[in-house]
Amino acid sequence: MSNAKTERSRSKRPLDHDPAKLRRLRFAAGLTLTALAERSGMNLSTLSGYENGRHSPSPRSLVRVAHALDCKPADLMPDAMRAAA
């Protein structure tokens, strides 16, 4: 597999995230799920799935959510993963 294909497949792999942190950061920003969907350009049901732990975001999606919340992508990850990064 070429390097470009490898990089693309890595960027689509779901990441471990902390649904409770996502919800806390959204509340702290004063945003509804609908507002976060609008700011991030993402689907409301997808974001709901992230917050409820039913789905895990791709690296690109995690960056979009973090940007919409004015935080770092690492802020949405479990503490153990942040320490390893």
PDB file of N, CA and C in Angstrom:
ATOM      1  N   MET A   1       0.858  -1.179   0.000  1.00  0.00           N
ATOM      2  CA  MET A   1       0.000   0.000   0.000  1.00  0.00           C
ATOM      3  C   MET A   1       0.896   1.231   0.000  1.00  0.00           C
ATOM      4  N   SER A   2       0.517   2.205  -0.793  1.00  0.00           N
ATOM      5  CA  SER A   2       1.330   3.414  -0.868  1.00  0.00           C
ATOM      6  C   SER A   2       1.189   4.228   0.407  1.00  0.00           C
ATOM      7  N   ASN A   3       2.128   5.139   0.623  1.00  0.00           N
ATOM      8  CA  ASN A   3       2.090   5.987   1.810  1.00  0.00           C
ATOM      9  C   ASN A   3       0.831   6.843   1.861  1.00  0.00           C
ATOM     10  N   ALA A   4       0.382   7.356   0.720  1.00  0.00           N
ATOM     11  CA  ALA A   4      -0.816   8.197   0.696  1.00  0.00           C
ATOM     12  C   ALA A   4      -2.044   7.402   1.123  1.00  0.00           C
ATOM     13  N   LYS A   5      -2.151   6.160   0.626  1.00  0.00           N
ATOM     14  CA  LYS A   5      -3.290   5.323   1.008  1.00  0.00           C
ATOM     15  C   LYS A   5      -3.226   4.965   2.489  1.00  0.00           C
ATOM     16  N   THR A   6      -2.042   4.693   2.987  1.00  0.00           N
ATOM     17  CA  THR A   6      -1.872   4.368   4.400  1.00  0.00           C
ATOM     18  C   THR A   6      -2.277   5.549   5.261  1.00  0.00           C
ATOM     19  N   GLU A   7      -1.857   6.738   4.894  1.00  0.00           N
ATOM     20  CA  GLU A   7      -2.203   7.934   5.662  1.00  0.00           C
ATOM     21  C   GLU A   7      -3.709   8.183   5.644  1.00  0.00           C
ATOM     22  N   ARG A   8      -4.336   7.992   4.481  1.00  0.00           N
ATOM     23  CA  ARG A   8      -5.790   8.183   4.397  1.00  0.00           C
ATOM     24  C   ARG A   8      -6.522   7.184   5.273  1.00  0.00           C
ATOM     25  N   SER A   9      -6.092   5.925   5.263  1.00  0.00           N
ATOM     26  CA  SER A   9      -6.791   4.928   6.073  1.00  0.00           C
ATOM     27  C   SER A   9      -6.587   5.198   7.564  1.00  0.00           C
ATOM     28  N   ARG A  10      -5.420   5.705   7.956  1.00  0.00           N
ATOM     29  CA  ARG A  10      -5.189   6.071   9.352  1.00  0.00           C
ATOM     30  C   ARG A  10      -6.080   7.221   9.776  1.00  0.00           C
ATOM     31  N   SER A  11      -6.301   8.176   8.874  1.00  0.00           N
ATOM     32  CA  SER A  11      -7.090   9.349   9.231  1.00  0.00           C
ATOM     33  C   SER A  11      -8.576   9.025   9.372  1.00  0.00           C
ATOM     34  N   LYS A  12      -8.998   7.855   8.924  1.00  0.00           N
ATOM     35  CA  LYS A  12     -10.401   7.468   9.031  1.00  0.00           C
ATOM     36  C   LYS A  12     -10.658   6.528  10.209  1.00  0.00           C
ATOM     37  N   ARG A  13      -9.613   6.049  10.849  1.00  0.00           N
ATOM     38  CA  ARG A  13      -9.795   5.135  11.972  1.00  0.00           C
ATOM     39  C   ARG A  13     -10.426   5.869  13.145  1.00  0.00           C
ATOM     40  N   PRO A  14     -11.429   5.245  13.781  1.00  0.00           N
ATOM     41  CA  PRO A  14     -12.044   5.901  14.936  1.00  0.00           C
ATOM     42  C   PRO A  14     -11.053   6.057  16.082  1.00  0.00           C
ATOM     43  N   LEU A  15     -11.208   7.146  16.806  1.00  0.00           N
ATOM     44  CA  LEU A  15     -10.353   7.419  17.956  1.00  0.00           C
ATOM     45  C   LEU A  15     -11.123   7.198  19.244  1.00  0.00           C
ATOM     46  N   ASP A  16     -10.389   6.813  20.263  1.00  0.00           N
ATOM     47  CA  ASP A  16     -10.986   6.740  21.587  1.00  0.00           C
ATOM     48  C   ASP A  16     -11.198   8.175  22.053  1.00  0.00           C
ATOM     49  N   HIS A  17     -12.363   8.452  22.581  1.00  0.00           N
ATOM     50  CA  HIS A  17     -12.656   9.787  23.090  1.00  0.00           C
ATOM     51  C   HIS A  17     -13.433   9.624  24.389  1.00  0.00           C
ATOM     52  N   ASP A  18     -13.573  10.683  25.122  1.00  0.00           N
ATOM     53  CA  ASP A  18     -14.293  10.658  26.389  1.00  0.00           C
ATOM     54  C   ASP A  18     -15.634  11.374  26.197  1.00  0.00           C
ATOM     55  N   PRO A  19     -16.728  10.603  26.056  1.00  0.00           N
ATOM     56  CA  PRO A  19     -18.031  11.226  25.826  1.00  0.00           C
ATOM     57  C   PRO A  19     -18.426  12.241  26.907  1.00  0.00           C
ATOM     58  N   ALA A  20     -18.093  11.959  28.157  1.00  0.00           N
ATOM     59  CA  ALA A  20     -18.450  12.882  29.245  1.00  0.00           C
ATOM     60  C   ALA A  20     -17.701  14.205  29.105  1.00  0.00           C
ATOM     61  N   LYS A  21     -16.451  14.154  28.675  1.00  0.00           N
ATOM     62  CA  LYS A  21     -15.686  15.390  28.469  1.00  0.00           C
ATOM     63  C   LYS A  21     -16.284  16.210  27.333  1.00  0.00           C
ATOM     64  N   LEU A  22     -16.681  15.524  26.290  1.00  0.00           N
ATOM     65  CA  LEU A  22     -17.295  16.221  25.159  1.00  0.00           C
ATOM     66  C   LEU A  22     -18.550  16.961  25.629  1.00  0.00           C
ATOM     67  N   ARG A  23     -19.377  16.276  26.388  1.00  0.00           N
ATOM     68  CA  ARG A  23     -20.605  16.906  26.881  1.00  0.00           C
ATOM     69  C   ARG A  23     -20.294  18.079  27.813  1.00  0.00           C
ATOM     70  N   ARG A  24     -19.334  17.889  28.734  1.00  0.00           N
ATOM     71  CA  ARG A  24     -18.966  18.971  29.668  1.00  0.00           C
ATOM     72  C   ARG A  24     -18.445  20.191  28.922  1.00  0.00           C
ATOM     73  N   LEU A  25     -17.593  19.972  27.941  1.00  0.00           N
ATOM     74  CA  LEU A  25     -17.041  21.088  27.176  1.00  0.00           C
ATOM     75  C   LEU A  25     -18.128  21.792  26.364  1.00  0.00           C
ATOM     76  N   ARG A  26     -19.063  21.026  25.840  1.00  0.00           N
ATOM     77  CA  ARG A  26     -20.166  21.639  25.096  1.00  0.00           C
ATOM     78  C   ARG A  26     -21.022  22.490  26.030  1.00  0.00           C
ATOM     79  N   PHE A  27     -21.349  21.938  27.210  1.00  0.00           N
ATOM     80  CA  PHE A  27     -22.128  22.713  28.182  1.00  0.00           C
ATOM     81  C   PHE A  27     -21.369  23.965  28.604  1.00  0.00           C
ATOM     82  N   ALA A  28     -20.067  23.820  28.855  1.00  0.00           N
ATOM     83  CA  ALA A  28     -19.250  24.966  29.278  1.00  0.00           C
ATOM     84  C   ALA A  28     -19.223  26.057  28.210  1.00  0.00           C
ATOM     85  N   ALA A  29     -19.293  25.648  26.952  1.00  0.00           N
ATOM     86  CA  ALA A  29     -19.309  26.611  25.852  1.00  0.00           C
ATOM     87  C   ALA A  29     -20.705  27.201  25.649  1.00  0.00           C
ATOM     88  N   GLY A  30     -21.676  26.683  26.388  1.00  0.00           N
ATOM     89  CA  GLY A  30     -23.044  27.187  26.269  1.00  0.00           C
ATOM     90  C   GLY A  30     -23.726  26.792  24.973  1.00  0.00           C
ATOM     91  N   LEU A  31     -23.340  25.632  24.430  1.00  0.00           N
ATOM     92  CA  LEU A  31     -23.877  25.195  23.144  1.00  0.00           C
ATOM     93  C   LEU A  31     -24.842  24.030  23.288  1.00  0.00           C
ATOM     94  N   THR A  32     -25.875  24.038  22.489  1.00  0.00           N
ATOM     95  CA  THR A  32     -26.730  22.869  22.341  1.00  0.00           C
ATOM     96  C   THR A  32     -26.065  21.953  21.323  1.00  0.00           C
ATOM     97  N   LEU A  33     -26.555  20.727  21.213  1.00  0.00           N
ATOM     98  CA  LEU A  33     -26.032  19.839  20.179  1.00  0.00           C
ATOM     99  C   LEU A  33     -26.287  20.433  18.792  1.00  0.00           C
ATOM    100  N   THR A  34     -27.430  21.057  18.637  1.00  0.00           N
ATOM    101  CA  THR A  34     -27.755  21.682  17.350  1.00  0.00           C
ATOM    102  C   THR A  34     -26.748  22.784  17.018  1.00  0.00           C
ATOM    103  N   ALA A  35     -26.422  23.609  17.991  1.00  0.00           N
ATOM    104  CA  ALA A  35     -25.448  24.684  17.765  1.00  0.00           C
ATOM    105  C   ALA A  35     -24.064  24.111  17.474  1.00  0.00           C
ATOM    106  N   LEU A  36     -23.673  23.056  18.182  1.00  0.00           N
ATOM    107  CA  LEU A  36     -22.378  22.429  17.925  1.00  0.00           C
ATOM    108  C   LEU A  36     -22.357  21.832  16.522  1.00  0.00           C
ATOM    109  N   ALA A  37     -23.457  21.234  16.110  1.00  0.00           N
ATOM    110  CA  ALA A  37     -23.539  20.679  14.752  1.00  0.00           C
ATOM    111  C   ALA A  37     -23.343  21.782  13.717  1.00  0.00           C
ATOM    112  N   GLU A  38     -23.976  22.914  13.937  1.00  0.00           N
ATOM    113  CA  GLU A  38     -23.839  24.034  13.005  1.00  0.00           C
ATOM    114  C   GLU A  38     -22.407  24.567  12.987  1.00  0.00           C
ATOM    115  N   ARG A  39     -21.808  24.732  14.159  1.00  0.00           N
ATOM    116  CA  ARG A  39     -20.435  25.275  14.236  1.00  0.00           C
ATOM    117  C   ARG A  39     -19.413  24.333  13.635  1.00  0.00           C
ATOM    118  N   SER A  40     -19.629  23.026  13.813  1.00  0.00           N
ATOM    119  CA  SER A  40     -18.649  22.052  13.334  1.00  0.00           C
ATOM    120  C   SER A  40     -18.933  21.583  11.907  1.00  0.00           C
ATOM    121  N   GLY A  41     -20.139  21.870  11.416  1.00  0.00           N
ATOM    122  CA  GLY A  41     -20.514  21.385  10.090  1.00  0.00           C
ATOM    123  C   GLY A  41     -20.788  19.896  10.074  1.00  0.00           C
ATOM    124  N   MET A  42     -21.115  19.343  11.242  1.00  0.00           N
ATOM    125  CA  MET A  42     -21.344  17.908  11.363  1.00  0.00           C
ATOM    126  C   MET A  42     -22.822  17.623  11.609  1.00  0.00           C
ATOM    127  N   ASN A  43     -23.189  16.374  11.413  1.00  0.00           N
ATOM    128  CA  ASN A  43     -24.556  15.931  11.592  1.00  0.00           C
ATOM    129  C   ASN A  43     -24.903  15.834  13.075  1.00  0.00           C
ATOM    130  N   LEU A  44     -26.072  16.292  13.434  1.00  0.00           N
ATOM    131  CA  LEU A  44     -26.543  16.271  14.820  1.00  0.00           C
ATOM    132  C   LEU A  44     -26.546  14.858  15.390  1.00  0.00           C
ATOM    133  N   SER A  45     -27.031  13.884  14.631  1.00  0.00           N
ATOM    134  CA  SER A  45     -27.094  12.515  15.157  1.00  0.00           C
ATOM    135  C   SER A  45     -25.703  11.924  15.356  1.00  0.00           C
ATOM    136  N   THR A  46     -24.747  12.313  14.536  1.00  0.00           N
ATOM    137  CA  THR A  46     -23.365  11.853  14.710  1.00  0.00           C
ATOM    138  C   THR A  46     -22.795  12.399  16.013  1.00  0.00           C
ATOM    139  N   LEU A  47     -22.986  13.681  16.255  1.00  0.00           N
ATOM    140  CA  LEU A  47     -22.491  14.290  17.485  1.00  0.00           C
ATOM    141  C   LEU A  47     -23.171  13.678  18.708  1.00  0.00           C
ATOM    142  N   SER A  48     -24.456  13.410  18.603  1.00  0.00           N
ATOM    143  CA  SER A  48     -25.175  12.764  19.692  1.00  0.00           C
ATOM    144  C   SER A  48     -24.569  11.387  19.978  1.00  0.00           C
ATOM    145  N   GLY A  49     -24.237  10.671  18.931  1.00  0.00           N
ATOM    146  CA  GLY A  49     -23.591   9.358  19.089  1.00  0.00           C
ATOM    147  C   GLY A  49     -22.243   9.459  19.770  1.00  0.00           C
ATOM    148  N   TYR A  50     -21.481  10.512  19.471  1.00  0.00           N
ATOM    149  CA  TYR A  50     -20.199  10.718  20.147  1.00  0.00           C
ATOM    150  C   TYR A  50     -20.426  10.972  21.636  1.00  0.00           C
ATOM    151  N   GLU A  51     -21.396  11.825  21.956  1.00  0.00           N
ATOM    152  CA  GLU A  51     -21.660  12.162  23.361  1.00  0.00           C
ATOM    153  C   GLU A  51     -22.210  10.985  24.150  1.00  0.00           C
ATOM    154  N   ASN A  52     -22.938  10.114  23.493  1.00  0.00           N
ATOM    155  CA  ASN A  52     -23.515   8.964  24.175  1.00  0.00           C
ATOM    156  C   ASN A  52     -22.622   7.736  24.123  1.00  0.00           C
ATOM    157  N   GLY A  53     -21.470   7.852  23.477  1.00  0.00           N
ATOM    158  CA  GLY A  53     -20.523   6.749  23.408  1.00  0.00           C
ATOM    159  C   GLY A  53     -20.910   5.659  22.422  1.00  0.00           C
ATOM    160  N   ARG A  54     -21.901   5.912  21.575  1.00  0.00           N
ATOM    161  CA  ARG A  54     -22.308   4.916  20.579  1.00  0.00           C
ATOM    162  C   ARG A  54     -21.367   4.899  19.382  1.00  0.00           C
ATOM    163  N   HIS A  55     -20.731   6.024  19.123  1.00  0.00           N
ATOM    164  CA  HIS A  55     -19.818   6.159  17.984  1.00  0.00           C
ATOM    165  C   HIS A  55     -18.527   6.809  18.452  1.00  0.00           C
ATOM    166  N   SER A  56     -17.463   6.534  17.713  1.00  0.00           N
ATOM    167  CA  SER A  56     -16.174   7.175  17.982  1.00  0.00           C
ATOM    168  C   SER A  56     -15.776   7.998  16.770  1.00  0.00           C
ATOM    169  N   PRO A  57     -15.272   9.194  17.000  1.00  0.00           N
ATOM    170  CA  PRO A  57     -14.921  10.067  15.870  1.00  0.00           C
ATOM    171  C   PRO A  57     -13.632   9.664  15.177  1.00  0.00           C
ATOM    172  N   SER A  58     -13.562   9.987  13.903  1.00  0.00           N
ATOM    173  CA  SER A  58     -12.311   9.855  13.166  1.00  0.00           C
ATOM    174  C   SER A  58     -11.404  10.997  13.635  1.00  0.00           C
ATOM    175  N   PRO A  59     -10.120  10.922  13.350  1.00  0.00           N
ATOM    176  CA  PRO A  59      -9.249  12.043  13.716  1.00  0.00           C
ATOM    177  C   PRO A  59      -9.732  13.375  13.141  1.00  0.00           C
ATOM    178  N   ARG A  60     -10.169  13.371  11.900  1.00  0.00           N
ATOM    179  CA  ARG A  60     -10.653  14.605  11.265  1.00  0.00           C
ATOM    180  C   ARG A  60     -11.890  15.138  11.994  1.00  0.00           C
ATOM    181  N   SER A  61     -12.812  14.248  12.363  1.00  0.00           N
ATOM    182  CA  SER A  61     -14.020  14.675  13.074  1.00  0.00           C
ATOM    183  C   SER A  61     -13.688  15.211  14.457  1.00  0.00           C
ATOM    184  N   LEU A  62     -12.736  14.573  15.133  1.00  0.00           N
ATOM    185  CA  LEU A  62     -12.340  15.042  16.460  1.00  0.00           C
ATOM    186  C   LEU A  62     -11.776  16.457  16.383  1.00  0.00           C
ATOM    187  N   VAL A  63     -11.001  16.736  15.355  1.00  0.00           N
ATOM    188  CA  VAL A  63     -10.438  18.072  15.157  1.00  0.00           C
ATOM    189  C   VAL A  63     -11.561  19.078  14.885  1.00  0.00           C
ATOM    190  N   ARG A  64     -12.538  18.695  14.087  1.00  0.00           N
ATOM    191  CA  ARG A  64     -13.656  19.598  13.786  1.00  0.00           C
ATOM    192  C   ARG A  64     -14.451  19.940  15.046  1.00  0.00           C
ATOM    193  N   VAL A  65     -14.714  18.927  15.872  1.00  0.00           N
ATOM    194  CA  VAL A  65     -15.458  19.155  17.111  1.00  0.00           C
ATOM    195  C   VAL A  65     -14.645  20.043  18.046  1.00  0.00           C
ATOM    196  N   ALA A  66     -13.362  19.730  18.190  1.00  0.00           N
ATOM    197  CA  ALA A  66     -12.496  20.526  19.074  1.00  0.00           C
ATOM    198  C   ALA A  66     -12.451  21.977  18.617  1.00  0.00           C
ATOM    199  N   HIS A  67     -12.304  22.178  17.330  1.00  0.00           N
ATOM    200  CA  HIS A  67     -12.264  23.545  16.793  1.00  0.00           C
ATOM    201  C   HIS A  67     -13.568  24.280  17.116  1.00  0.00           C
ATOM    202  N   ALA A  68     -14.695  23.611  16.947  1.00  0.00           N
ATOM    203  CA  ALA A  68     -15.995  24.226  17.226  1.00  0.00           C
ATOM    204  C   ALA A  68     -16.160  24.556  18.707  1.00  0.00           C
ATOM    205  N   LEU A  69     -15.473  23.798  19.570  1.00  0.00           N
ATOM    206  CA  LEU A  69     -15.541  24.035  21.013  1.00  0.00           C
ATOM    207  C   LEU A  69     -14.397  24.922  21.519  1.00  0.00           C
ATOM    208  N   ASP A  70     -13.549  25.385  20.612  1.00  0.00           N
ATOM    209  CA  ASP A  70     -12.383  26.195  20.978  1.00  0.00           C
ATOM    210  C   ASP A  70     -11.494  25.486  21.996  1.00  0.00           C
ATOM    211  N   CYS A  71     -11.202  24.210  21.721  1.00  0.00           N
ATOM    212  CA  CYS A  71     -10.296  23.450  22.586  1.00  0.00           C
ATOM    213  C   CYS A  71      -9.375  22.616  21.705  1.00  0.00           C
ATOM    214  N   LYS A  72      -8.474  21.905  22.328  1.00  0.00           N
ATOM    215  CA  LYS A  72      -7.557  21.019  21.613  1.00  0.00           C
ATOM    216  C   LYS A  72      -8.211  19.646  21.466  1.00  0.00           C
ATOM    217  N   PRO A  73      -7.916  18.920  20.385  1.00  0.00           N
ATOM    218  CA  PRO A  73      -8.455  17.566  20.256  1.00  0.00           C
ATOM    219  C   PRO A  73      -8.110  16.684  21.470  1.00  0.00           C
ATOM    220  N   ALA A  74      -6.936  16.869  22.025  1.00  0.00           N
ATOM    221  CA  ALA A  74      -6.538  16.071  23.192  1.00  0.00           C
ATOM    222  C   ALA A  74      -7.460  16.302  24.387  1.00  0.00           C
ATOM    223  N   ASP A  75      -8.103  17.475  24.431  1.00  0.00           N
ATOM    224  CA  ASP A  75      -9.028  17.762  25.535  1.00  0.00           C
ATOM    225  C   ASP A  75     -10.255  16.857  25.507  1.00  0.00           C
ATOM    226  N   LEU A  76     -10.518  16.231  24.367  1.00  0.00           N
ATOM    227  CA  LEU A  76     -11.677  15.365  24.231  1.00  0.00           C
ATOM    228  C   LEU A  76     -11.335  13.886  24.437  1.00  0.00           C
ATOM    229  N   MET A  77     -10.080  13.606  24.705  1.00  0.00           N
ATOM    230  CA  MET A  77      -9.626  12.222  24.864  1.00  0.00           C
ATOM    231  C   MET A  77      -9.530  11.844  26.338  1.00  0.00           C
ATOM    232  N   PRO A  78      -9.587  10.536  26.600  1.00  0.00           N
ATOM    233  CA  PRO A  78      -9.436  10.086  27.988  1.00  0.00           C
ATOM    234  C   PRO A  78      -8.100  10.543  28.574  1.00  0.00           C
ATOM    235  N   ASP A  79      -8.066  10.771  29.880  1.00  0.00           N
ATOM    236  CA  ASP A  79      -6.840  11.272  30.532  1.00  0.00           C
ATOM    237  C   ASP A  79      -5.659  10.356  30.300  1.00  0.00           C
ATOM    238  N   ALA A  80      -5.850   9.040  30.289  1.00  0.00           N
ATOM    239  CA  ALA A  80      -4.738   8.105  30.088  1.00  0.00           C
ATOM    240  C   ALA A  80      -4.114   8.290  28.720  1.00  0.00           C
ATOM    241  N   MET A  81      -4.920   8.574  27.718  1.00  0.00           N
ATOM    242  CA  MET A  81      -4.395   8.783  26.370  1.00  0.00           C
ATOM    243  C   MET A  81      -3.667  10.123  26.272  1.00  0.00           C
ATOM    244  N   ARG A  82      -4.160  11.126  26.984  1.00  0.00           N
ATOM    245  CA  ARG A  82      -3.505  12.433  26.965  1.00  0.00           C
ATOM    246  C   ARG A  82      -2.123  12.342  27.573  1.00  0.00           C
ATOM    247  N   ALA A  83      -1.961  11.548  28.623  1.00  0.00           N
ATOM    248  CA  ALA A  83      -0.666  11.404  29.281  1.00  0.00           C
ATOM    249  C   ALA A  83       0.337  10.709  28.369  1.00  0.00           C
ATOM    250  N   ALA A  84      -0.161   9.800  27.536  1.00  0.00           N
ATOM    251  CA  ALA A  84       0.718   9.050  26.623  1.00  0.00           C
ATOM    252  C   ALA A  84       1.106   9.875  25.410  1.00  0.00           C
ATOM    253  N   ALA A  85       0.319  10.885  25.079  1.00  0.00           N
ATOM    254  CA  ALA A  85       0.576  11.682  23.861  1.00  0.00           C
ATOM    255  C   ALA A  85       1.690  12.663  24.042  1.00  0.00           C
TER     256      ALA A  85
END
